[in-house]
Every structure is written in C-alpha cells, then in structure tokens.
Amino acid sequence: MRMTHLFAFAAPLALLLPLTAHADNWPAGTKNEYMKDCVAAASKSIDQKTATQHCECGANKLNENFTSAEIEALMSKTKQPSAELRTKAMNAIQGCVVKK
C-alpha cells in the first residue's frame, strides 16, 4: 500500500525532469543575435550550412554551461566580458569546430 502512494507522488516528478533539462538560459532575443553574428563571421571561411551547424552547436554548448547572466555578459555591447568568462566560453565551444 505504501509503495502505491510513493509511486503516485514520484511519477509526476519524474515526468517533469525532461522539462527542466531543456531550460533555455538565453535572455530574450540574445540567441538570435548570437546566431546572426556567429553565422556572418563563420561564413567568411566556411559555407553557410556548415556555419549554421557550427553556430548552433556553440549556442547549445553555451546554453548547457552558462547561466543567463553569464550569457548576457558575453553578449553585452556596452561592456566587454572578463577574460575568464571569454576563456570559459571558448573552452565550451571548442568541440564545435567543423571540418572544411
């Protein structure tokens, strides 16, 4: 009898776990701005499709490893992010390098 009550409590919580895994840390509009800037820069040395794939990978890595505040600091147009934050970002997206 107790296991039934425990299952009734735990099942809804277990169903919510995938929702928390997809939390988006990008502040409103920031991801689109990142993608636009990244694809424009990457397209200078690789084709558009590959540039988009590379930038999507980078955006996903930043979302996984950074808080909203850190992403906002990285994308700030008024204040340059700290060297530590820039290094952390470069390390996070390092695995997204595509081959020509």
PDB file of N, CA and C in Angstrom:
ATOM      1  N   MET A   1       0.821  -1.194   0.000  1.00  0.00           N
ATOM      2  CA  MET A   1       0.000   0.000   0.000  1.00  0.00           C
ATOM      3  C   MET A   1       0.865   1.258   0.000  1.00  0.00           C
ATOM      4  N   ARG A   2       1.941   1.264   0.764  1.00  0.00           N
ATOM      5  CA  ARG A   2       2.800   2.440   0.838  1.00  0.00           C
ATOM      6  C   ARG A   2       3.493   2.707  -0.496  1.00  0.00           C
ATOM      7  N   MET A   3       3.889   1.669  -1.195  1.00  0.00           N
ATOM      8  CA  MET A   3       4.556   1.837  -2.483  1.00  0.00           C
ATOM      9  C   MET A   3       3.640   2.518  -3.492  1.00  0.00           C
ATOM     10  N   THR A   4       2.351   2.253  -3.412  1.00  0.00           N
ATOM     11  CA  THR A   4       1.396   2.889  -4.314  1.00  0.00           C
ATOM     12  C   THR A   4       1.370   4.391  -4.078  1.00  0.00           C
ATOM     13  N   HIS A   5       1.391   4.796  -2.831  1.00  0.00           N
ATOM     14  CA  HIS A   5       1.393   6.226  -2.506  1.00  0.00           C
ATOM     15  C   HIS A   5       2.705   6.883  -2.955  1.00  0.00           C
ATOM     16  N   LEU A   6       3.799   6.170  -2.722  1.00  0.00           N
ATOM     17  CA  LEU A   6       5.093   6.697  -3.134  1.00  0.00           C
ATOM     18  C   LEU A   6       5.154   6.850  -4.652  1.00  0.00           C
ATOM     19  N   PHE A   7       4.668   5.856  -5.380  1.00  0.00           N
ATOM     20  CA  PHE A   7       4.652   5.927  -6.834  1.00  0.00           C
ATOM     21  C   PHE A   7       3.766   7.072  -7.312  1.00  0.00           C
ATOM     22  N   ALA A   8       2.634   7.261  -6.674  1.00  0.00           N
ATOM     23  CA  ALA A   8       1.724   8.347  -7.059  1.00  0.00           C
ATOM     24  C   ALA A   8       2.383   9.704  -6.869  1.00  0.00           C
ATOM     25  N   PHE A   9       3.258   9.818  -5.902  1.00  0.00           N
ATOM     26  CA  PHE A   9       3.964  11.075  -5.676  1.00  0.00           C
ATOM     27  C   PHE A   9       5.154  11.227  -6.625  1.00  0.00           C
ATOM     28  N   ALA A  10       5.900  10.149  -6.844  1.00  0.00           N
ATOM     29  CA  ALA A  10       7.134  10.212  -7.624  1.00  0.00           C
ATOM     30  C   ALA A  10       6.905  10.279  -9.132  1.00  0.00           C
ATOM     31  N   ALA A  11       5.860   9.662  -9.634  1.00  0.00           N
ATOM     32  CA  ALA A  11       5.628   9.623 -11.080  1.00  0.00           C
ATOM     33  C   ALA A  11       5.509  11.003 -11.702  1.00  0.00           C
ATOM     34  N   PRO A  12       4.702  11.913 -11.151  1.00  0.00           N
ATOM     35  CA  PRO A  12       4.628  13.244 -11.764  1.00  0.00           C
ATOM     36  C   PRO A  12       5.958  13.992 -11.723  1.00  0.00           C
ATOM     37  N   LEU A  13       6.731  13.810 -10.657  1.00  0.00           N
ATOM     38  CA  LEU A  13       8.035  14.457 -10.581  1.00  0.00           C
ATOM     39  C   LEU A  13       8.979  13.921 -11.650  1.00  0.00           C
ATOM     40  N   ALA A  14       8.942  12.626 -11.868  1.00  0.00           N
ATOM     41  CA  ALA A  14       9.794  12.019 -12.887  1.00  0.00           C
ATOM     42  C   ALA A  14       9.424  12.523 -14.283  1.00  0.00           C
ATOM     43  N   LEU A  15       8.164  12.770 -14.507  1.00  0.00           N
ATOM     44  CA  LEU A  15       7.729  13.268 -15.813  1.00  0.00           C
ATOM     45  C   LEU A  15       8.159  14.709 -16.045  1.00  0.00           C
ATOM     46  N   LEU A  16       8.401  15.465 -14.983  1.00  0.00           N
ATOM     47  CA  LEU A  16       8.831  16.850 -15.120  1.00  0.00           C
ATOM     48  C   LEU A  16      10.332  16.993 -15.370  1.00  0.00           C
ATOM     49  N   LEU A  17      11.117  15.977 -15.075  1.00  0.00           N
ATOM     50  CA  LEU A  17      12.563  16.062 -15.248  1.00  0.00           C
ATOM     51  C   LEU A  17      12.997  16.429 -16.667  1.00  0.00           C
ATOM     52  N   PRO A  18      12.426  15.847 -17.717  1.00  0.00           N
ATOM     53  CA  PRO A  18      12.860  16.252 -19.061  1.00  0.00           C
ATOM     54  C   PRO A  18      12.588  17.734 -19.349  1.00  0.00           C
ATOM     55  N   LEU A  19      11.598  18.304 -18.729  1.00  0.00           N
ATOM     56  CA  LEU A  19      11.305  19.718 -18.958  1.00  0.00           C
ATOM     57  C   LEU A  19      12.395  20.605 -18.381  1.00  0.00           C
ATOM     58  N   THR A  20      12.944  20.226 -17.233  1.00  0.00           N
ATOM     59  CA  THR A  20      13.994  21.033 -16.638  1.00  0.00           C
ATOM     60  C   THR A  20      15.292  20.901 -17.412  1.00  0.00           C
ATOM     61  N   ALA A  21      15.497  19.793 -18.084  1.00  0.00           N
ATOM     62  CA  ALA A  21      16.722  19.601 -18.853  1.00  0.00           C
ATOM     63  C   ALA A  21      16.766  20.494 -20.082  1.00  0.00           C
ATOM     64  N   HIS A  22      15.625  20.998 -20.515  1.00  0.00           N
ATOM     65  CA  HIS A  22      15.580  21.838 -21.714  1.00  0.00           C
ATOM     66  C   HIS A  22      15.399  23.315 -21.385  1.00  0.00           C
ATOM     67  N   ALA A  23      15.744  23.699 -20.183  1.00  0.00           N
ATOM     68  CA  ALA A  23      15.626  25.101 -19.807  1.00  0.00           C
ATOM     69  C   ALA A  23      16.514  25.935 -20.725  1.00  0.00           C
ATOM     70  N   ASP A  24      16.027  27.062 -21.127  1.00  0.00           N
ATOM     71  CA  ASP A  24      16.770  27.931 -22.031  1.00  0.00           C
ATOM     72  C   ASP A  24      17.357  29.088 -21.241  1.00  0.00           C
ATOM     73  N   ASN A  25      18.677  29.152 -21.192  1.00  0.00           N
ATOM     74  CA  ASN A  25      19.361  30.198 -20.437  1.00  0.00           C
ATOM     75  C   ASN A  25      19.567  31.476 -21.237  1.00  0.00           C
ATOM     76  N   TRP A  26      19.179  31.466 -22.510  1.00  0.00           N
ATOM     77  CA  TRP A  26      19.394  32.645 -23.347  1.00  0.00           C
ATOM     78  C   TRP A  26      18.373  33.725 -23.000  1.00  0.00           C
ATOM     79  N   PRO A  27      18.833  34.933 -22.662  1.00  0.00           N
ATOM     80  CA  PRO A  27      17.889  36.044 -22.477  1.00  0.00           C
ATOM     81  C   PRO A  27      17.154  36.313 -23.789  1.00  0.00           C
ATOM     82  N   ALA A  28      15.974  36.869 -23.701  1.00  0.00           N
ATOM     83  CA  ALA A  28      15.114  37.098 -24.873  1.00  0.00           C
ATOM     84  C   ALA A  28      15.870  37.797 -26.004  1.00  0.00           C
ATOM     85  N   GLY A  29      15.818  37.193 -27.184  1.00  0.00           N
ATOM     86  CA  GLY A  29      16.416  37.777 -28.377  1.00  0.00           C
ATOM     87  C   GLY A  29      17.918  37.600 -28.498  1.00  0.00           C
ATOM     88  N   THR A  30      18.577  37.188 -27.432  1.00  0.00           N
ATOM     89  CA  THR A  30      20.028  37.102 -27.438  1.00  0.00           C
ATOM     90  C   THR A  30      20.530  35.958 -28.310  1.00  0.00           C
ATOM     91  N   LYS A  31      19.829  34.831 -28.305  1.00  0.00           N
ATOM     92  CA  LYS A  31      20.279  33.696 -29.109  1.00  0.00           C
ATOM     93  C   LYS A  31      20.206  34.036 -30.596  1.00  0.00           C
ATOM     94  N   ASN A  32      19.141  34.712 -31.014  1.00  0.00           N
ATOM     95  CA  ASN A  32      19.033  35.109 -32.425  1.00  0.00           C
ATOM     96  C   ASN A  32      20.164  36.045 -32.811  1.00  0.00           C
ATOM     97  N   GLU A  33      20.505  36.961 -31.920  1.00  0.00           N
ATOM     98  CA  GLU A  33      21.604  37.895 -32.172  1.00  0.00           C
ATOM     99  C   GLU A  33      22.931  37.132 -32.267  1.00  0.00           C
ATOM    100  N   TYR A  34      23.137  36.188 -31.355  1.00  0.00           N
ATOM    101  CA  TYR A  34      24.348  35.357 -31.384  1.00  0.00           C
ATOM    102  C   TYR A  34      24.444  34.603 -32.705  1.00  0.00           C
ATOM    103  N   MET A  35      23.345  33.968 -33.091  1.00  0.00           N
ATOM    104  CA  MET A  35      23.346  33.177 -34.324  1.00  0.00           C
ATOM    105  C   MET A  35      23.651  34.049 -35.537  1.00  0.00           C
ATOM    106  N   LYS A  36      23.033  35.211 -35.597  1.00  0.00           N
ATOM    107  CA  LYS A  36      23.250  36.117 -36.733  1.00  0.00           C
ATOM    108  C   LYS A  36      24.716  36.524 -36.820  1.00  0.00           C
ATOM    109  N   ASP A  37      25.291  36.950 -35.691  1.00  0.00           N
ATOM    110  CA  ASP A  37      26.686  37.387 -35.669  1.00  0.00           C
ATOM    111  C   ASP A  37      27.637  36.226 -35.942  1.00  0.00           C
ATOM    112  N   CYS A  38      27.362  35.077 -35.334  1.00  0.00           N
ATOM    113  CA  CYS A  38      28.233  33.915 -35.483  1.00  0.00           C
ATOM    114  C   CYS A  38      28.232  33.405 -36.921  1.00  0.00           C
ATOM    115  N   VAL A  39      27.049  33.252 -37.504  1.00  0.00           N
ATOM    116  CA  VAL A  39      26.955  32.744 -38.878  1.00  0.00           C
ATOM    117  C   VAL A  39      27.631  33.721 -39.849  1.00  0.00           C
ATOM    118  N   ALA A  40      27.451  35.006 -39.628  1.00  0.00           N
ATOM    119  CA  ALA A  40      28.085  36.001 -40.501  1.00  0.00           C
ATOM    120  C   ALA A  40      29.607  35.886 -40.435  1.00  0.00           C
ATOM    121  N   ALA A  41      30.148  35.713 -39.249  1.00  0.00           N
ATOM    122  CA  ALA A  41      31.599  35.602 -39.096  1.00  0.00           C
ATOM    123  C   ALA A  41      32.110  34.270 -39.641  1.00  0.00           C
ATOM    124  N   ALA A  42      31.412  33.191 -39.328  1.00  0.00           N
ATOM    125  CA  ALA A  42      31.864  31.867 -39.762  1.00  0.00           C
ATOM    126  C   ALA A  42      31.737  31.683 -41.268  1.00  0.00           C
ATOM    127  N   SER A  43      30.764  32.340 -41.875  1.00  0.00           N
ATOM    128  CA  SER A  43      30.525  32.203 -43.323  1.00  0.00           C
ATOM    129  C   SER A  43      31.672  32.758 -44.151  1.00  0.00           C
ATOM    130  N   LYS A  44      32.541  33.528 -43.537  1.00  0.00           N
ATOM    131  CA  LYS A  44      33.688  34.068 -44.269  1.00  0.00           C
ATOM    132  C   LYS A  44      34.703  32.986 -44.599  1.00  0.00           C
ATOM    133  N   SER A  45      34.693  31.885 -43.800  1.00  0.00           N
ATOM    134  CA  SER A  45      35.681  30.843 -44.050  1.00  0.00           C
ATOM    135  C   SER A  45      35.079  29.472 -44.358  1.00  0.00           C
ATOM    136  N   ILE A  46      33.765  29.302 -44.120  1.00  0.00           N
ATOM    137  CA  ILE A  46      33.100  28.036 -44.442  1.00  0.00           C
ATOM    138  C   ILE A  46      31.740  28.347 -45.066  1.00  0.00           C
ATOM    139  N   ASP A  47      31.119  27.336 -45.681  1.00  0.00           N
ATOM    140  CA  ASP A  47      29.836  27.574 -46.337  1.00  0.00           C
ATOM    141  C   ASP A  47      28.734  27.854 -45.308  1.00  0.00           C
ATOM    142  N   GLN A  48      27.655  28.422 -45.774  1.00  0.00           N
ATOM    143  CA  GLN A  48      26.544  28.875 -44.918  1.00  0.00           C
ATOM    144  C   GLN A  48      25.958  27.739 -44.074  1.00  0.00           C
ATOM    145  N   LYS A  49      25.733  26.583 -44.672  1.00  0.00           N
ATOM    146  CA  LYS A  49      25.134  25.457 -43.950  1.00  0.00           C
ATOM    147  C   LYS A  49      26.041  24.990 -42.817  1.00  0.00           C
ATOM    148  N   THR A  50      27.320  24.852 -43.102  1.00  0.00           N
ATOM    149  CA  THR A  50      28.284  24.413 -42.095  1.00  0.00           C
ATOM    150  C   THR A  50      28.423  25.466 -41.004  1.00  0.00           C
ATOM    151  N   ALA A  51      28.405  26.734 -41.390  1.00  0.00           N
ATOM    152  CA  ALA A  51      28.479  27.823 -40.416  1.00  0.00           C
ATOM    153  C   ALA A  51      27.288  27.784 -39.462  1.00  0.00           C
ATOM    154  N   THR A  52      26.104  27.533 -39.996  1.00  0.00           N
ATOM    155  CA  THR A  52      24.902  27.457 -39.171  1.00  0.00           C
ATOM    156  C   THR A  52      24.992  26.286 -38.200  1.00  0.00           C
ATOM    157  N   GLN A  53      25.473  25.142 -38.673  1.00  0.00           N
ATOM    158  CA  GLN A  53      25.636  23.972 -37.798  1.00  0.00           C
ATOM    159  C   GLN A  53      26.640  24.256 -36.683  1.00  0.00           C
ATOM    160  N   HIS A  54      27.740  24.888 -37.037  1.00  0.00           N
ATOM    161  CA  HIS A  54      28.772  25.235 -36.062  1.00  0.00           C
ATOM    162  C   HIS A  54      28.207  26.183 -35.001  1.00  0.00           C
ATOM    163  N   CYS A  55      27.477  27.166 -35.443  1.00  0.00           N
ATOM    164  CA  CYS A  55      26.937  28.166 -34.521  1.00  0.00           C
ATOM    165  C   CYS A  55      25.834  27.580 -33.636  1.00  0.00           C
ATOM    166  N   GLU A  56      25.019  26.687 -34.176  1.00  0.00           N
ATOM    167  CA  GLU A  56      24.001  26.005 -33.366  1.00  0.00           C
ATOM    168  C   GLU A  56      24.663  25.189 -32.269  1.00  0.00           C
ATOM    169  N   CYS A  57      25.728  24.491 -32.633  1.00  0.00           N
ATOM    170  CA  CYS A  57      26.469  23.708 -31.645  1.00  0.00           C
ATOM    171  C   CYS A  57      27.002  24.627 -30.544  1.00  0.00           C
ATOM    172  N   GLY A  58      27.588  25.742 -30.940  1.00  0.00           N
ATOM    173  CA  GLY A  58      28.106  26.699 -29.963  1.00  0.00           C
ATOM    174  C   GLY A  58      27.019  27.257 -29.062  1.00  0.00           C
ATOM    175  N   ALA A  59      25.871  27.572 -29.644  1.00  0.00           N
ATOM    176  CA  ALA A  59      24.753  28.093 -28.851  1.00  0.00           C
ATOM    177  C   ALA A  59      24.280  27.056 -27.840  1.00  0.00           C
ATOM    178  N   ASN A  60      24.226  25.796 -28.255  1.00  0.00           N
ATOM    179  CA  ASN A  60      23.823  24.725 -27.345  1.00  0.00           C
ATOM    180  C   ASN A  60      24.831  24.543 -26.216  1.00  0.00           C
ATOM    181  N   LYS A  61      26.114  24.612 -26.536  1.00  0.00           N
ATOM    182  CA  LYS A  61      27.159  24.466 -25.517  1.00  0.00           C
ATOM    183  C   LYS A  61      27.093  25.615 -24.515  1.00  0.00           C
ATOM    184  N   LEU A  62      26.871  26.818 -25.006  1.00  0.00           N
ATOM    185  CA  LEU A  62      26.753  27.964 -24.096  1.00  0.00           C
ATOM    186  C   LEU A  62      25.526  27.810 -23.204  1.00  0.00           C
ATOM    187  N   ASN A  63      24.428  27.353 -23.782  1.00  0.00           N
ATOM    188  CA  ASN A  63      23.202  27.155 -23.010  1.00  0.00           C
ATOM    189  C   ASN A  63      23.406  26.107 -21.916  1.00  0.00           C
ATOM    190  N   GLU A  64      24.169  25.066 -22.221  1.00  0.00           N
ATOM    191  CA  GLU A  64      24.410  23.988 -21.256  1.00  0.00           C
ATOM    192  C   GLU A  64      25.342  24.410 -20.128  1.00  0.00           C
ATOM    193  N   ASN A  65      26.291  25.289 -20.412  1.00  0.00           N
ATOM    194  CA  ASN A  65      27.368  25.580 -19.471  1.00  0.00           C
ATOM    195  C   ASN A  65      27.333  26.962 -18.824  1.00  0.00           C
ATOM    196  N   PHE A  66      26.393  27.808 -19.240  1.00  0.00           N
ATOM    197  CA  PHE A  66      26.366  29.181 -18.746  1.00  0.00           C
ATOM    198  C   PHE A  66      24.990  29.545 -18.207  1.00  0.00           C
ATOM    199  N   THR A  67      24.985  30.437 -17.236  1.00  0.00           N
ATOM    200  CA  THR A  67      23.729  30.972 -16.716  1.00  0.00           C
ATOM    201  C   THR A  67      23.253  32.093 -17.636  1.00  0.00           C
ATOM    202  N   SER A  68      22.042  32.524 -17.437  1.00  0.00           N
ATOM    203  CA  SER A  68      21.511  33.649 -18.222  1.00  0.00           C
ATOM    204  C   SER A  68      22.367  34.890 -18.035  1.00  0.00           C
ATOM    205  N   ALA A  69      22.790  35.138 -16.801  1.00  0.00           N
ATOM    206  CA  ALA A  69      23.614  36.323 -16.522  1.00  0.00           C
ATOM    207  C   ALA A  69      24.953  36.246 -17.247  1.00  0.00           C
ATOM    208  N   GLU A  70      25.555  35.061 -17.294  1.00  0.00           N
ATOM    209  CA  GLU A  70      26.833  34.908 -17.986  1.00  0.00           C
ATOM    210  C   GLU A  70      26.669  35.102 -19.492  1.00  0.00           C
ATOM    211  N   ILE A  71      25.598  34.552 -20.048  1.00  0.00           N
ATOM    212  CA  ILE A  71      25.350  34.724 -21.489  1.00  0.00           C
ATOM    213  C   ILE A  71      25.102  36.201 -21.790  1.00  0.00           C
ATOM    214  N   GLU A  72      24.357  36.852 -20.937  1.00  0.00           N
ATOM    215  CA  GLU A  72      24.097  38.286 -21.137  1.00  0.00           C
ATOM    216  C   GLU A  72      25.400  39.075 -21.082  1.00  0.00           C
ATOM    217  N   ALA A  73      26.290  38.726 -20.164  1.00  0.00           N
ATOM    218  CA  ALA A  73      27.586  39.404 -20.069  1.00  0.00           C
ATOM    219  C   ALA A  73      28.430  39.151 -21.317  1.00  0.00           C
ATOM    220  N   LEU A  74      28.392  37.924 -21.837  1.00  0.00           N
ATOM    221  CA  LEU A  74      29.135  37.606 -23.054  1.00  0.00           C
ATOM    222  C   LEU A  74      28.639  38.401 -24.251  1.00  0.00           C
ATOM    223  N   MET A  75      27.340  38.619 -24.311  1.00  0.00           N
ATOM    224  CA  MET A  75      26.726  39.273 -25.466  1.00  0.00           C
ATOM    225  C   MET A  75      26.598  40.789 -25.309  1.00  0.00           C
ATOM    226  N   SER A  76      27.053  41.329 -24.199  1.00  0.00           N
ATOM    227  CA  SER A  76      26.914  42.762 -23.943  1.00  0.00           C
ATOM    228  C   SER A  76      27.625  43.591 -25.010  1.00  0.00           C
ATOM    229  N   LYS A  77      26.949  44.597 -25.488  1.00  0.00           N
ATOM    230  CA  LYS A  77      27.544  45.507 -26.482  1.00  0.00           C
ATOM    231  C   LYS A  77      28.179  46.716 -25.795  1.00  0.00           C
ATOM    232  N   THR A  78      27.926  46.894 -24.501  1.00  0.00           N
ATOM    233  CA  THR A  78      28.442  48.057 -23.789  1.00  0.00           C
ATOM    234  C   THR A  78      29.644  47.746 -22.898  1.00  0.00           C
ATOM    235  N   LYS A  79      29.749  46.509 -22.423  1.00  0.00           N
ATOM    236  CA  LYS A  79      30.834  46.149 -21.516  1.00  0.00           C
ATOM    237  C   LYS A  79      31.460  44.835 -21.973  1.00  0.00           C
ATOM    238  N   GLN A  80      32.764  44.849 -22.157  1.00  0.00           N
ATOM    239  CA  GLN A  80      33.465  43.644 -22.594  1.00  0.00           C
ATOM    240  C   GLN A  80      33.468  42.630 -21.451  1.00  0.00           C
ATOM    241  N   PRO A  81      33.171  41.350 -21.757  1.00  0.00           N
ATOM    242  CA  PRO A  81      33.192  40.323 -20.707  1.00  0.00           C
ATOM    243  C   PRO A  81      34.613  40.102 -20.185  1.00  0.00           C
ATOM    244  N   SER A  82      34.709  39.581 -18.984  1.00  0.00           N
ATOM    245  CA  SER A  82      36.019  39.326 -18.382  1.00  0.00           C
ATOM    246  C   SER A  82      36.784  38.289 -19.201  1.00  0.00           C
ATOM    247  N   ALA A  83      38.087  38.319 -19.052  1.00  0.00           N
ATOM    248  CA  ALA A  83      38.934  37.353 -19.758  1.00  0.00           C
ATOM    249  C   ALA A  83      38.589  35.934 -19.319  1.00  0.00           C
ATOM    250  N   GLU A  84      38.275  35.765 -18.057  1.00  0.00           N
ATOM    251  CA  GLU A  84      37.905  34.450 -17.524  1.00  0.00           C
ATOM    252  C   GLU A  84      36.635  33.929 -18.200  1.00  0.00           C
ATOM    253  N   LEU A  85      35.640  34.794 -18.364  1.00  0.00           N
ATOM    254  CA  LEU A  85      34.385  34.402 -18.992  1.00  0.00           C
ATOM    255  C   LEU A  85      34.581  34.094 -20.477  1.00  0.00           C
ATOM    256  N   ARG A  86      35.403  34.888 -21.148  1.00  0.00           N
ATOM    257  CA  ARG A  86      35.696  34.633 -22.569  1.00  0.00           C
ATOM    258  C   ARG A  86      36.418  33.296 -22.739  1.00  0.00           C
ATOM    259  N   THR A  87      37.369  33.008 -21.856  1.00  0.00           N
ATOM    260  CA  THR A  87      38.100  31.739 -21.913  1.00  0.00           C
ATOM    261  C   THR A  87      37.160  30.568 -21.662  1.00  0.00           C
ATOM    262  N   LYS A  88      36.280  30.724 -20.695  1.00  0.00           N
ATOM    263  CA  LYS A  88      35.301  29.676 -20.392  1.00  0.00           C
ATOM    264  C   LYS A  88      34.412  29.418 -21.612  1.00  0.00           C
ATOM    265  N   ALA A  89      34.010  30.484 -22.302  1.00  0.00           N
ATOM    266  CA  ALA A  89      33.168  30.345 -23.497  1.00  0.00           C
ATOM    267  C   ALA A  89      33.928  29.645 -24.618  1.00  0.00           C
ATOM    268  N   MET A  90      35.168  30.038 -24.832  1.00  0.00           N
ATOM    269  CA  MET A  90      35.969  29.418 -25.886  1.00  0.00           C
ATOM    270  C   MET A  90      36.180  27.926 -25.606  1.00  0.00           C
ATOM    271  N   ASN A  91      36.403  27.587 -24.349  1.00  0.00           N
ATOM    272  CA  ASN A  91      36.566  26.180 -23.982  1.00  0.00           C
ATOM    273  C   ASN A  91      35.273  25.401 -24.186  1.00  0.00           C
ATOM    274  N   ALA A  92      34.144  26.034 -23.911  1.00  0.00           N
ATOM    275  CA  ALA A  92      32.848  25.362 -24.057  1.00  0.00           C
ATOM    276  C   ALA A  92      32.538  25.054 -25.518  1.00  0.00           C
ATOM    277  N   ILE A  93      32.865  25.977 -26.405  1.00  0.00           N
ATOM    278  CA  ILE A  93      32.501  25.778 -27.815  1.00  0.00           C
ATOM    279  C   ILE A  93      33.618  25.135 -28.632  1.00  0.00           C
ATOM    280  N   GLN A  94      34.731  24.830 -28.000  1.00  0.00           N
ATOM    281  CA  GLN A  94      35.882  24.263 -28.696  1.00  0.00           C
ATOM    282  C   GLN A  94      35.537  22.981 -29.458  1.00  0.00           C
ATOM    283  N   GLY A  95      34.652  22.165 -28.924  1.00  0.00           N
ATOM    284  CA  GLY A  95      34.291  20.912 -29.579  1.00  0.00           C
ATOM    285  C   GLY A  95      33.398  21.091 -30.800  1.00  0.00           C
ATOM    286  N   CYS A  96      32.995  22.303 -31.084  1.00  0.00           N
ATOM    287  CA  CYS A  96      32.100  22.563 -32.208  1.00  0.00           C
ATOM    288  C   CYS A  96      32.836  22.880 -33.501  1.00  0.00           C
ATOM    289  N   VAL A  97      34.121  22.742 -33.529  1.00  0.00           N
ATOM    290  CA  VAL A  97      34.895  23.024 -34.737  1.00  0.00           C
ATOM    291  C   VAL A  97      34.481  22.061 -35.832  1.00  0.00           C
ATOM    292  N   VAL A  98      34.180  22.609 -36.996  1.00  0.00           N
ATOM    293  CA  VAL A  98      33.773  21.779 -38.138  1.00  0.00           C
ATOM    294  C   VAL A  98      34.908  21.680 -39.132  1.00  0.00           C
ATOM    295  N   LYS A  99      34.947  20.581 -39.832  1.00  0.00           N
ATOM    296  CA  LYS A  99      35.977  20.383 -40.837  1.00  0.00           C
ATOM    297  C   LYS A  99      35.480  20.894 -42.180  1.00  0.00           C
ATOM    298  N   LYS A 100      36.370  21.560 -42.879  1.00  0.00           N
ATOM    299  CA  LYS A 100      36.021  22.111 -44.201  1.00  0.00           C
ATOM    300  C   LYS A 100      35.888  21.003 -45.214  1.00  0.00           C
TER     301      LYS A 100
END
